N, C-alpha and C. Protein backbone atom coordinates (compact mmCIF):
# COMPACT_ATOMS: atom_id res chain seq x y z
N MET A 1 14.88 -11.30 2.60
CA MET A 1 13.46 -11.11 2.27
C MET A 1 12.55 -11.84 3.24
N LYS A 2 12.96 -13.04 3.63
CA LYS A 2 12.11 -13.80 4.56
C LYS A 2 11.94 -13.05 5.88
N ILE A 3 13.04 -12.44 6.35
CA ILE A 3 12.97 -11.71 7.62
C ILE A 3 12.02 -10.52 7.47
N LYS A 4 12.12 -9.80 6.35
CA LYS A 4 11.26 -8.63 6.13
C LYS A 4 9.79 -9.04 6.10
N ILE A 5 9.50 -10.14 5.42
CA ILE A 5 8.11 -10.63 5.37
C ILE A 5 7.62 -10.96 6.78
N GLY A 6 8.48 -11.58 7.58
CA GLY A 6 8.12 -11.91 8.96
C GLY A 6 7.82 -10.66 9.77
N GLU A 7 8.65 -9.62 9.57
CA GLU A 7 8.42 -8.36 10.29
C GLU A 7 7.09 -7.75 9.90
N ASP A 8 6.80 -7.73 8.59
CA ASP A 8 5.53 -7.18 8.13
C ASP A 8 4.35 -7.95 8.72
N ALA A 9 4.48 -9.27 8.76
CA ALA A 9 3.40 -10.10 9.30
C ALA A 9 3.18 -9.80 10.78
N SER A 10 4.28 -9.65 11.53
CA SER A 10 4.13 -9.37 12.96
C SER A 10 3.52 -7.99 13.17
N LYS A 11 3.88 -7.02 12.32
CA LYS A 11 3.28 -5.69 12.43
C LYS A 11 1.78 -5.75 12.17
N LEU A 12 1.39 -6.52 11.14
CA LEU A 12 -0.04 -6.67 10.86
C LEU A 12 -0.75 -7.31 12.04
N ARG A 13 -0.10 -8.31 12.65
CA ARG A 13 -0.71 -8.99 13.78
C ARG A 13 -0.90 -8.01 14.94
N VAL A 14 0.09 -7.15 15.18
CA VAL A 14 -0.02 -6.15 16.24
C VAL A 14 -1.17 -5.19 15.96
N LYS A 15 -1.28 -4.75 14.69
CA LYS A 15 -2.36 -3.82 14.34
C LYS A 15 -3.72 -4.47 14.57
N LYS A 16 -3.86 -5.74 14.19
CA LYS A 16 -5.13 -6.45 14.40
C LYS A 16 -5.43 -6.56 15.89
N THR A 17 -4.40 -6.85 16.70
CA THR A 17 -4.58 -6.95 18.14
C THR A 17 -5.01 -5.61 18.71
N GLU A 18 -4.38 -4.52 18.24
CA GLU A 18 -4.75 -3.19 18.72
C GLU A 18 -6.20 -2.88 18.38
N LYS A 19 -6.62 -3.21 17.16
CA LYS A 19 -8.01 -2.96 16.76
C LYS A 19 -8.97 -3.76 17.63
N ALA A 20 -8.64 -5.02 17.90
CA ALA A 20 -9.49 -5.85 18.74
C ALA A 20 -9.57 -5.27 20.15
N THR A 21 -8.43 -4.80 20.66
CA THR A 21 -8.40 -4.19 22.00
C THR A 21 -9.27 -2.94 22.02
N HIS A 22 -9.17 -2.12 20.98
CA HIS A 22 -9.99 -0.91 20.89
C HIS A 22 -11.47 -1.26 20.88
N LEU A 23 -11.84 -2.28 20.11
CA LEU A 23 -13.24 -2.69 20.06
C LEU A 23 -13.71 -3.15 21.43
N MET A 24 -12.91 -3.97 22.10
CA MET A 24 -13.27 -4.46 23.43
C MET A 24 -13.44 -3.29 24.40
N LEU A 25 -12.48 -2.35 24.37
CA LEU A 25 -12.54 -1.21 25.29
C LEU A 25 -13.76 -0.34 25.01
N SER A 26 -14.08 -0.15 23.73
CA SER A 26 -15.22 0.70 23.40
C SER A 26 -16.52 0.05 23.86
N VAL A 27 -16.58 -1.28 23.82
CA VAL A 27 -17.76 -1.99 24.30
C VAL A 27 -17.82 -1.92 25.83
N VAL A 28 -16.67 -2.14 26.48
CA VAL A 28 -16.65 -2.22 27.94
C VAL A 28 -16.76 -0.84 28.58
N GLY A 29 -15.91 0.09 28.15
CA GLY A 29 -15.77 1.34 28.90
C GLY A 29 -16.08 2.60 28.13
N GLY A 30 -16.39 2.51 26.86
CA GLY A 30 -16.73 3.70 26.11
C GLY A 30 -15.52 4.37 25.45
N GLU A 31 -15.83 5.35 24.61
CA GLU A 31 -14.80 5.99 23.80
C GLU A 31 -13.79 6.77 24.64
N ASP A 32 -14.18 7.24 25.82
CA ASP A 32 -13.29 8.09 26.62
C ASP A 32 -12.02 7.33 27.03
N ILE A 33 -12.13 6.02 27.29
CA ILE A 33 -10.96 5.22 27.65
C ILE A 33 -10.00 5.14 26.47
N ILE A 34 -10.54 4.92 25.28
CA ILE A 34 -9.69 4.82 24.09
C ILE A 34 -8.98 6.14 23.84
N SER A 35 -9.69 7.25 23.93
CA SER A 35 -9.06 8.55 23.67
C SER A 35 -8.00 8.84 24.72
N ARG A 36 -8.21 8.41 25.96
CA ARG A 36 -7.21 8.61 27.01
C ARG A 36 -5.95 7.80 26.71
N LEU A 37 -6.13 6.55 26.23
CA LEU A 37 -4.99 5.71 25.90
C LEU A 37 -4.19 6.29 24.74
N GLU A 38 -4.85 6.91 23.78
CA GLU A 38 -4.17 7.41 22.59
C GLU A 38 -3.36 8.67 22.88
N LYS A 39 -3.66 9.38 23.97
CA LYS A 39 -2.94 10.63 24.28
C LYS A 39 -1.56 10.35 24.83
């Protein structure tokens, strides 16, 4: 169980990092960069 909780926590951390990166990119370069990365 401890390992599973750790995995969930790391996944949440990755999602938060991705959201922060998306916000930074949208501020710096606009939505077109984000849509290009998602393809």
